[in-house]
Amino acid sequence: SATAWWRVALARPEVVRRLKVKTGPTPPGTWFDVETSLDGEHFTPVASRLRLASWHMEDVPLPPGTRTSFIRLVWHNPGLTRAHFSLFEVEAY
């Protein structure tokens, strides 16, 4: 698969306004989506086709009123047989 994901569970449902994300280098053509869920099974995309500079903390704003218990970062690289990403830090605000 050319898709990989990472998921975090919050201690309780929260309104999340933005994420700060720090990644390592990603292959050309790679982007990621942010999805949220209250139950951990049904995810809704809240930010799509994002590209980040590696080794920098980047702000990712979320739509106002995004209430969630789970946040999933989904990496895509359709040109590769396997998606590869390095995730060093994620903060939710």
PDB file of N, CA and C in Angstrom:
ATOM      1  N   SER A   1       0.836  -1.190   0.000  1.00  0.00           N
ATOM      2  CA  SER A   1       0.000   0.000   0.000  1.00  0.00           C
ATOM      3  C   SER A   1       0.871   1.240   0.000  1.00  0.00           C
ATOM      4  N   ALA A   2       0.436   2.268  -0.673  1.00  0.00           N
ATOM      5  CA  ALA A   2       1.151   3.541  -0.691  1.00  0.00           C
ATOM      6  C   ALA A   2       0.596   4.495   0.363  1.00  0.00           C
ATOM      7  N   THR A   3      -0.082   3.955   1.364  1.00  0.00           N
ATOM      8  CA  THR A   3      -0.666   4.749   2.441  1.00  0.00           C
ATOM      9  C   THR A   3      -0.234   4.174   3.780  1.00  0.00           C
ATOM     10  N   ALA A   4       0.082   5.064   4.721  1.00  0.00           N
ATOM     11  CA  ALA A   4       0.412   4.666   6.090  1.00  0.00           C
ATOM     12  C   ALA A   4      -0.266   5.657   7.021  1.00  0.00           C
ATOM     13  N   TRP A   5      -0.533   5.255   8.268  1.00  0.00           N
ATOM     14  CA  TRP A   5      -1.182   6.171   9.183  1.00  0.00           C
ATOM     15  C   TRP A   5      -0.681   5.990  10.600  1.00  0.00           C
ATOM     16  N   TRP A   6      -0.910   7.032  11.395  1.00  0.00           N
ATOM     17  CA  TRP A   6      -0.586   7.051  12.814  1.00  0.00           C
ATOM     18  C   TRP A   6      -1.773   7.666  13.530  1.00  0.00           C
ATOM     19  N   ARG A   7      -2.164   7.092  14.654  1.00  0.00           N
ATOM     20  CA  ARG A   7      -3.354   7.549  15.369  1.00  0.00           C
ATOM     21  C   ARG A   7      -3.022   7.787  16.835  1.00  0.00           C
ATOM     22  N   VAL A   8      -3.630   8.820  17.398  1.00  0.00           N
ATOM     23  CA  VAL A   8      -3.486   9.105  18.821  1.00  0.00           C
ATOM     24  C   VAL A   8      -4.879   9.204  19.438  1.00  0.00           C
ATOM     25  N   ALA A   9      -5.009   8.699  20.658  1.00  0.00           N
ATOM     26  CA  ALA A   9      -6.268   8.786  21.393  1.00  0.00           C
ATOM     27  C   ALA A   9      -6.108   9.825  22.499  1.00  0.00           C
ATOM     28  N   LEU A  10      -7.021  10.775  22.557  1.00  0.00           N
ATOM     29  CA  LEU A  10      -7.017  11.768  23.627  1.00  0.00           C
ATOM     30  C   LEU A  10      -7.663  11.164  24.867  1.00  0.00           C
ATOM     31  N   ALA A  11      -7.358  11.706  26.032  1.00  0.00           N
ATOM     32  CA  ALA A  11      -7.903  11.174  27.284  1.00  0.00           C
ATOM     33  C   ALA A  11      -9.423  11.302  27.346  1.00  0.00           C
ATOM     34  N   ARG A  12      -9.965  12.339  26.717  1.00  0.00           N
ATOM     35  CA  ARG A  12     -11.419  12.560  26.674  1.00  0.00           C
ATOM     36  C   ARG A  12     -11.714  13.417  25.448  1.00  0.00           C
ATOM     37  N   PRO A  13     -12.949  13.480  24.999  1.00  0.00           N
ATOM     38  CA  PRO A  13     -13.270  14.329  23.837  1.00  0.00           C
ATOM     39  C   PRO A  13     -12.897  15.786  24.107  1.00  0.00           C
ATOM     40  N   GLU A  14     -12.283  16.415  23.139  1.00  0.00           N
ATOM     41  CA  GLU A  14     -11.828  17.798  23.239  1.00  0.00           C
ATOM     42  C   GLU A  14     -12.115  18.525  21.939  1.00  0.00           C
ATOM     43  N   VAL A  15     -12.241  19.844  22.012  1.00  0.00           N
ATOM     44  CA  VAL A  15     -12.259  20.674  20.814  1.00  0.00           C
ATOM     45  C   VAL A  15     -10.801  20.978  20.484  1.00  0.00           C
ATOM     46  N   VAL A  16     -10.372  20.599  19.296  1.00  0.00           N
ATOM     47  CA  VAL A  16      -8.983  20.815  18.864  1.00  0.00           C
ATOM     48  C   VAL A  16      -9.007  21.847  17.749  1.00  0.00           C
ATOM     49  N   ARG A  17      -8.253  22.924  17.938  1.00  0.00           N
ATOM     50  CA  ARG A  17      -8.228  24.023  16.966  1.00  0.00           C
ATOM     51  C   ARG A  17      -7.100  23.886  15.958  1.00  0.00           C
ATOM     52  N   ARG A  18      -5.983  23.287  16.402  1.00  0.00           N
ATOM     53  CA  ARG A  18      -4.842  23.155  15.506  1.00  0.00           C
ATOM     54  C   ARG A  18      -3.898  22.076  16.021  1.00  0.00           C
ATOM     55  N   LEU A  19      -3.072  21.599  15.120  1.00  0.00           N
ATOM     56  CA  LEU A  19      -2.002  20.675  15.465  1.00  0.00           C
ATOM     57  C   LEU A  19      -0.682  21.354  15.162  1.00  0.00           C
ATOM     58  N   LYS A  20       0.352  20.968  15.874  1.00  0.00           N
ATOM     59  CA  LYS A  20       1.718  21.307  15.506  1.00  0.00           C
ATOM     60  C   LYS A  20       2.379  19.971  15.205  1.00  0.00           C
ATOM     61  N   VAL A  21       2.989  19.856  14.031  1.00  0.00           N
ATOM     62  CA  VAL A  21       3.528  18.577  13.564  1.00  0.00           C
ATOM     63  C   VAL A  21       4.959  18.776  13.095  1.00  0.00           C
ATOM     64  N   LYS A  22       5.833  17.851  13.494  1.00  0.00           N
ATOM     65  CA  LYS A  22       7.225  17.859  13.035  1.00  0.00           C
ATOM     66  C   LYS A  22       7.526  16.503  12.426  1.00  0.00           C
ATOM     67  N   THR A  23       7.934  16.509  11.171  1.00  0.00           N
ATOM     68  CA  THR A  23       8.259  15.266  10.470  1.00  0.00           C
ATOM     69  C   THR A  23       9.724  15.252  10.077  1.00  0.00           C
ATOM     70  N   GLY A  24      10.180  14.080   9.691  1.00  0.00           N
ATOM     71  CA  GLY A  24      11.483  13.944   9.058  1.00  0.00           C
ATOM     72  C   GLY A  24      11.307  14.084   7.560  1.00  0.00           C
ATOM     73  N   PRO A  25      12.351  13.845   6.802  1.00  0.00           N
ATOM     74  CA  PRO A  25      12.249  13.959   5.349  1.00  0.00           C
ATOM     75  C   PRO A  25      11.230  12.958   4.788  1.00  0.00           C
ATOM     76  N   THR A  26      10.484  13.400   3.795  1.00  0.00           N
ATOM     77  CA  THR A  26       9.536  12.519   3.127  1.00  0.00           C
ATOM     78  C   THR A  26       9.871  12.480   1.643  1.00  0.00           C
ATOM     79  N   PRO A  27       9.625  11.377   0.981  1.00  0.00           N
ATOM     80  CA  PRO A  27       9.913  11.273  -0.449  1.00  0.00           C
ATOM     81  C   PRO A  27       9.084  12.278  -1.250  1.00  0.00           C
ATOM     82  N   PRO A  28       9.580  12.716  -2.406  1.00  0.00           N
ATOM     83  CA  PRO A  28       8.803  13.616  -3.259  1.00  0.00           C
ATOM     84  C   PRO A  28       7.434  13.005  -3.585  1.00  0.00           C
ATOM     85  N   GLY A  29       6.431  13.849  -3.660  1.00  0.00           N
ATOM     86  CA  GLY A  29       5.081  13.385  -3.983  1.00  0.00           C
ATOM     87  C   GLY A  29       4.267  12.963  -2.774  1.00  0.00           C
ATOM     88  N   THR A  30       4.847  13.078  -1.577  1.00  0.00           N
ATOM     89  CA  THR A  30       4.154  12.660  -0.362  1.00  0.00           C
ATOM     90  C   THR A  30       3.321  13.809   0.203  1.00  0.00           C
ATOM     91  N   TRP A  31       2.103  13.499   0.633  1.00  0.00           N
ATOM     92  CA  TRP A  31       1.270  14.464   1.347  1.00  0.00           C
ATOM     93  C   TRP A  31       0.573  13.715   2.465  1.00  0.00           C
ATOM     94  N   PHE A  32      -0.079  14.472   3.368  1.00  0.00           N
ATOM     95  CA  PHE A  32      -0.845  13.787   4.401  1.00  0.00           C
ATOM     96  C   PHE A  32      -2.164  14.486   4.647  1.00  0.00           C
ATOM     97  N   ASP A  33      -3.084  13.703   5.203  1.00  0.00           N
ATOM     98  CA  ASP A  33      -4.409  14.176   5.595  1.00  0.00           C
ATOM     99  C   ASP A  33      -4.525  14.047   7.111  1.00  0.00           C
ATOM    100  N   VAL A  34      -5.352  14.904   7.703  1.00  0.00           N
ATOM    101  CA  VAL A  34      -5.686  14.798   9.124  1.00  0.00           C
ATOM    102  C   VAL A  34      -7.148  14.396   9.204  1.00  0.00           C
ATOM    103  N   GLU A  35      -7.419  13.358   9.979  1.00  0.00           N
ATOM    104  CA  GLU A  35      -8.786  12.872  10.174  1.00  0.00           C
ATOM    105  C   GLU A  35      -9.083  12.821  11.666  1.00  0.00           C
ATOM    106  N   THR A  36     -10.343  13.022  12.027  1.00  0.00           N
ATOM    107  CA  THR A  36     -10.736  12.963  13.433  1.00  0.00           C
ATOM    108  C   THR A  36     -11.935  12.032  13.608  1.00  0.00           C
ATOM    109  N   SER A  37     -12.097  11.568  14.854  1.00  0.00           N
ATOM    110  CA  SER A  37     -13.185  10.638  15.165  1.00  0.00           C
ATOM    111  C   SER A  37     -13.537  10.748  16.646  1.00  0.00           C
ATOM    112  N   LEU A  38     -14.793  10.590  16.951  1.00  0.00           N
ATOM    113  CA  LEU A  38     -15.214  10.510  18.346  1.00  0.00           C
ATOM    114  C   LEU A  38     -15.184   9.078  18.859  1.00  0.00           C
ATOM    115  N   ASP A  39     -15.404   8.090  17.974  1.00  0.00           N
ATOM    116  CA  ASP A  39     -15.482   6.696  18.416  1.00  0.00           C
ATOM    117  C   ASP A  39     -14.250   5.857  18.070  1.00  0.00           C
ATOM    118  N   GLY A  40     -13.316   6.387  17.294  1.00  0.00           N
ATOM    119  CA  GLY A  40     -12.114   5.637  16.930  1.00  0.00           C
ATOM    120  C   GLY A  40     -12.298   4.698  15.756  1.00  0.00           C
ATOM    121  N   GLU A  41     -13.494   4.653  15.187  1.00  0.00           N
ATOM    122  CA  GLU A  41     -13.756   3.773  14.044  1.00  0.00           C
ATOM    123  C   GLU A  41     -14.184   4.531  12.795  1.00  0.00           C
ATOM    124  N   HIS A  42     -14.944   5.593  12.963  1.00  0.00           N
ATOM    125  CA  HIS A  42     -15.462   6.368  11.832  1.00  0.00           C
ATOM    126  C   HIS A  42     -14.744   7.713  11.804  1.00  0.00           C
ATOM    127  N   PHE A  43     -13.815   7.875  10.854  1.00  0.00           N
ATOM    128  CA  PHE A  43     -12.984   9.076  10.776  1.00  0.00           C
ATOM    129  C   PHE A  43     -13.493  10.017   9.693  1.00  0.00           C
ATOM    130  N   THR A  44     -13.379  11.319   9.965  1.00  0.00           N
ATOM    131  CA  THR A  44     -13.770  12.366   9.036  1.00  0.00           C
ATOM    132  C   THR A  44     -12.544  13.207   8.694  1.00  0.00           C
ATOM    133  N   PRO A  45     -12.256  13.434   7.412  1.00  0.00           N
ATOM    134  CA  PRO A  45     -11.130  14.302   7.046  1.00  0.00           C
ATOM    135  C   PRO A  45     -11.415  15.748   7.468  1.00  0.00           C
ATOM    136  N   VAL A  46     -10.434  16.389   8.099  1.00  0.00           N
ATOM    137  CA  VAL A  46     -10.571  17.791   8.494  1.00  0.00           C
ATOM    138  C   VAL A  46      -9.498  18.676   7.850  1.00  0.00           C
ATOM    139  N   ALA A  47      -8.461  18.083   7.290  1.00  0.00           N
ATOM    140  CA  ALA A  47      -7.421  18.803   6.533  1.00  0.00           C
ATOM    141  C   ALA A  47      -6.854  17.811   5.529  1.00  0.00           C
ATOM    142  N   SER A  48      -6.674  18.254   4.281  1.00  0.00           N
ATOM    143  CA  SER A  48      -6.278  17.320   3.228  1.00  0.00           C
ATOM    144  C   SER A  48      -5.113  17.832   2.402  1.00  0.00           C
ATOM    145  N   ARG A  49      -4.363  16.857   1.882  1.00  0.00           N
ATOM    146  CA  ARG A  49      -3.263  17.081   0.935  1.00  0.00           C
ATOM    147  C   ARG A  49      -2.249  18.099   1.446  1.00  0.00           C
ATOM    148  N   LEU A  50      -1.866  17.950   2.715  1.00  0.00           N
ATOM    149  CA  LEU A  50      -0.894  18.848   3.331  1.00  0.00           C
ATOM    150  C   LEU A  50       0.526  18.380   3.037  1.00  0.00           C
ATOM    151  N   ARG A  51       1.405  19.327   2.821  1.00  0.00           N
ATOM    152  CA  ARG A  51       2.826  19.040   2.645  1.00  0.00           C
ATOM    153  C   ARG A  51       3.580  19.850   3.687  1.00  0.00           C
ATOM    154  N   LEU A  52       4.510  19.215   4.381  1.00  0.00           N
ATOM    155  CA  LEU A  52       5.244  19.878   5.449  1.00  0.00           C
ATOM    156  C   LEU A  52       6.733  19.915   5.142  1.00  0.00           C
ATOM    157  N   ALA A  53       7.389  20.954   5.632  1.00  0.00           N
ATOM    158  CA  ALA A  53       8.848  21.014   5.563  1.00  0.00           C
ATOM    159  C   ALA A  53       9.391  20.109   6.666  1.00  0.00           C
ATOM    160  N   SER A  54      10.338  19.262   6.328  1.00  0.00           N
ATOM    161  CA  SER A  54      10.876  18.350   7.342  1.00  0.00           C
ATOM    162  C   SER A  54      11.727  19.106   8.356  1.00  0.00           C
ATOM    163  N   TRP A  55      11.776  18.539   9.557  1.00  0.00           N
ATOM    164  CA  TRP A  55      12.575  19.018  10.675  1.00  0.00           C
ATOM    165  C   TRP A  55      12.072  20.338  11.262  1.00  0.00           C
ATOM    166  N   HIS A  56      10.881  20.815  10.881  1.00  0.00           N
ATOM    167  CA  HIS A  56      10.322  22.047  11.431  1.00  0.00           C
ATOM    168  C   HIS A  56       8.956  21.751  12.033  1.00  0.00           C
ATOM    169  N   MET A  57       8.649  22.421  13.156  1.00  0.00           N
ATOM    170  CA  MET A  57       7.284  22.339  13.696  1.00  0.00           C
ATOM    171  C   MET A  57       6.394  23.185  12.800  1.00  0.00           C
ATOM    172  N   GLU A  58       5.350  22.590  12.248  1.00  0.00           N
ATOM    173  CA  GLU A  58       4.432  23.274  11.337  1.00  0.00           C
ATOM    174  C   GLU A  58       3.055  23.341  11.982  1.00  0.00           C
ATOM    175  N   ASP A  59       2.396  24.476  11.845  1.00  0.00           N
ATOM    176  CA  ASP A  59       1.013  24.622  12.312  1.00  0.00           C
ATOM    177  C   ASP A  59       0.056  24.064  11.279  1.00  0.00           C
ATOM    178  N   VAL A  60      -0.899  23.279  11.741  1.00  0.00           N
ATOM    179  CA  VAL A  60      -1.957  22.745  10.886  1.00  0.00           C
ATOM    180  C   VAL A  60      -3.287  23.172  11.505  1.00  0.00           C
ATOM    181  N   PRO A  61      -3.919  24.234  10.966  1.00  0.00           N
ATOM    182  CA  PRO A  61      -5.205  24.656  11.524  1.00  0.00           C
ATOM    183  C   PRO A  61      -6.307  23.663  11.176  1.00  0.00           C
ATOM    184  N   LEU A  62      -7.220  23.460  12.110  1.00  0.00           N
ATOM    185  CA  LEU A  62      -8.374  22.591  11.889  1.00  0.00           C
ATOM    186  C   LEU A  62      -9.631  23.453  11.829  1.00  0.00           C
ATOM    187  N   PRO A  63     -10.691  22.962  11.218  1.00  0.00           N
ATOM    188  CA  PRO A  63     -11.930  23.740  11.150  1.00  0.00           C
ATOM    189  C   PRO A  63     -12.428  24.094  12.554  1.00  0.00           C
ATOM    190  N   PRO A  64     -13.027  25.273  12.711  1.00  0.00           N
ATOM    191  CA  PRO A  64     -13.558  25.668  14.025  1.00  0.00           C
ATOM    192  C   PRO A  64     -14.547  24.630  14.556  1.00  0.00           C
ATOM    193  N   GLY A  65     -14.468  24.368  15.856  1.00  0.00           N
ATOM    194  CA  GLY A  65     -15.410  23.440  16.485  1.00  0.00           C
ATOM    195  C   GLY A  65     -15.103  21.972  16.256  1.00  0.00           C
ATOM    196  N   THR A  66     -13.865  21.634  15.841  1.00  0.00           N
ATOM    197  CA  THR A  66     -13.514  20.223  15.628  1.00  0.00           C
ATOM    198  C   THR A  66     -13.414  19.518  16.977  1.00  0.00           C
ATOM    199  N   ARG A  67     -14.433  18.743  17.305  1.00  0.00           N
ATOM    200  CA  ARG A  67     -14.470  17.984  18.571  1.00  0.00           C
ATOM    201  C   ARG A  67     -14.088  16.553  18.244  1.00  0.00           C
ATOM    202  N   THR A  68     -13.124  16.027  19.006  1.00  0.00           N
ATOM    203  CA  THR A  68     -12.612  14.698  18.681  1.00  0.00           C
ATOM    204  C   THR A  68     -12.068  13.979  19.902  1.00  0.00           C
ATOM    205  N   SER A  69     -12.026  12.663  19.806  1.00  0.00           N
ATOM    206  CA  SER A  69     -11.351  11.815  20.788  1.00  0.00           C
ATOM    207  C   SER A  69     -10.120  11.163  20.175  1.00  0.00           C
ATOM    208  N   PHE A  70     -10.094  11.093  18.828  1.00  0.00           N
ATOM    209  CA  PHE A  70      -8.990  10.448  18.110  1.00  0.00           C
ATOM    210  C   PHE A  70      -8.550  11.338  16.954  1.00  0.00           C
ATOM    211  N   ILE A  71      -7.255  11.407  16.750  1.00  0.00           N
ATOM    212  CA  ILE A  71      -6.683  12.131  15.618  1.00  0.00           C
ATOM    213  C   ILE A  71      -5.837  11.135  14.837  1.00  0.00           C
ATOM    214  N   ARG A  72      -6.038  11.106  13.529  1.00  0.00           N
ATOM    215  CA  ARG A  72      -5.263  10.190  12.681  1.00  0.00           C
ATOM    216  C   ARG A  72      -4.577  11.006  11.588  1.00  0.00           C
ATOM    217  N   LEU A  73      -3.270  10.803  11.447  1.00  0.00           N
ATOM    218  CA  LEU A  73      -2.491  11.394  10.366  1.00  0.00           C
ATOM    219  C   LEU A  73      -2.265  10.305   9.334  1.00  0.00           C
ATOM    220  N   VAL A  74      -2.671  10.572   8.092  1.00  0.00           N
ATOM    221  CA  VAL A  74      -2.599   9.568   7.033  1.00  0.00           C
ATOM    222  C   VAL A  74      -1.661  10.079   5.941  1.00  0.00           C
ATOM    223  N   TRP A  75      -0.549   9.357   5.732  1.00  0.00           N
ATOM    224  CA  TRP A  75       0.425   9.711   4.696  1.00  0.00           C
ATOM    225  C   TRP A  75       0.102   8.980   3.409  1.00  0.00           C
ATOM    226  N   HIS A  76       0.261   9.699   2.292  1.00  0.00           N
ATOM    227  CA  HIS A  76       0.004   9.139   0.961  1.00  0.00           C
ATOM    228  C   HIS A  76       1.202   9.400   0.053  1.00  0.00           C
ATOM    229  N   ASN A  77       1.586   8.417  -0.696  1.00  0.00           N
ATOM    230  CA  ASN A  77       2.546   8.603  -1.771  1.00  0.00           C
ATOM    231  C   ASN A  77       2.223   7.582  -2.844  1.00  0.00           C
ATOM    232  N   PRO A  78       1.357   7.963  -3.802  1.00  0.00           N
ATOM    233  CA  PRO A  78       0.900   6.994  -4.794  1.00  0.00           C
ATOM    234  C   PRO A  78       1.997   6.498  -5.724  1.00  0.00           C
ATOM    235  N   GLY A  79       3.128   7.191  -5.804  1.00  0.00           N
ATOM    236  CA  GLY A  79       4.213   6.745  -6.672  1.00  0.00           C
ATOM    237  C   GLY A  79       5.073   5.658  -6.055  1.00  0.00           C
ATOM    238  N   LEU A  80       4.887   5.367  -4.796  1.00  0.00           N
ATOM    239  CA  LEU A  80       5.691   4.357  -4.106  1.00  0.00           C
ATOM    240  C   LEU A  80       4.842   3.127  -3.806  1.00  0.00           C
ATOM    241  N   THR A  81       5.505   2.002  -3.638  1.00  0.00           N
ATOM    242  CA  THR A  81       4.765   0.801  -3.254  1.00  0.00           C
ATOM    243  C   THR A  81       4.480   0.794  -1.757  1.00  0.00           C
ATOM    244  N   ARG A  82       5.265   1.562  -0.982  1.00  0.00           N
ATOM    245  CA  ARG A  82       5.017   1.679   0.460  1.00  0.00           C
ATOM    246  C   ARG A  82       5.197   3.135   0.864  1.00  0.00           C
ATOM    247  N   ALA A  83       4.315   3.649   1.671  1.00  0.00           N
ATOM    248  CA  ALA A  83       4.475   5.003   2.192  1.00  0.00           C
ATOM    249  C   ALA A  83       5.498   4.960   3.319  1.00  0.00           C
ATOM    250  N   HIS A  84       6.332   5.968   3.374  1.00  0.00           N
ATOM    251  CA  HIS A  84       7.327   6.062   4.439  1.00  0.00           C
ATOM    252  C   HIS A  84       7.223   7.452   5.042  1.00  0.00           C
ATOM    253  N   PHE A  85       7.202   7.524   6.368  1.00  0.00           N
ATOM    254  CA  PHE A  85       7.244   8.825   7.014  1.00  0.00           C
ATOM    255  C   PHE A  85       7.901   8.692   8.369  1.00  0.00           C
ATOM    256  N   SER A  86       8.504   9.784   8.800  1.00  0.00           N
ATOM    257  CA  SER A  86       9.065   9.879  10.144  1.00  0.00           C
ATOM    258  C   SER A  86       8.301  10.976  10.860  1.00  0.00           C
ATOM    259  N   LEU A  87       7.701  10.646  11.962  1.00  0.00           N
ATOM    260  CA  LEU A  87       6.922  11.598  12.742  1.00  0.00           C
ATOM    261  C   LEU A  87       7.637  11.779  14.071  1.00  0.00           C
ATOM    262  N   PHE A  88       8.107  12.998  14.331  1.00  0.00           N
ATOM    263  CA  PHE A  88       8.892  13.243  15.535  1.00  0.00           C
ATOM    264  C   PHE A  88       8.087  13.874  16.652  1.00  0.00           C
ATOM    265  N   GLU A  89       7.099  14.696  16.306  1.00  0.00           N
ATOM    266  CA  GLU A  89       6.343  15.364  17.355  1.00  0.00           C
ATOM    267  C   GLU A  89       4.988  15.801  16.819  1.00  0.00           C
ATOM    268  N   VAL A  90       3.955  15.619  17.636  1.00  0.00           N
ATOM    269  CA  VAL A  90       2.613  16.112  17.334  1.00  0.00           C
ATOM    270  C   VAL A  90       2.056  16.714  18.621  1.00  0.00           C
ATOM    271  N   GLU A  91       1.552  17.927  18.518  1.00  0.00           N
ATOM    272  CA  GLU A  91       0.904  18.576  19.655  1.00  0.00           C
ATOM    273  C   GLU A  91      -0.482  19.023  19.210  1.00  0.00           C
ATOM    274  N   ALA A  92      -1.473  18.827  20.055  1.00  0.00           N
ATOM    275  CA  ALA A  92      -2.846  19.236  19.751  1.00  0.00           C
ATOM    276  C   ALA A  92      -3.223  20.381  20.675  1.00  0.00           C
ATOM    277  N   TYR A  93      -3.833  21.417  20.116  1.00  0.00           N
ATOM    278  CA  TYR A  93      -4.265  22.592  20.889  1.00  0.00           C
ATOM    279  C   TYR A  93      -5.726  22.867  20.643  1.00  0.00           C
TER     280      TYR A  93
END
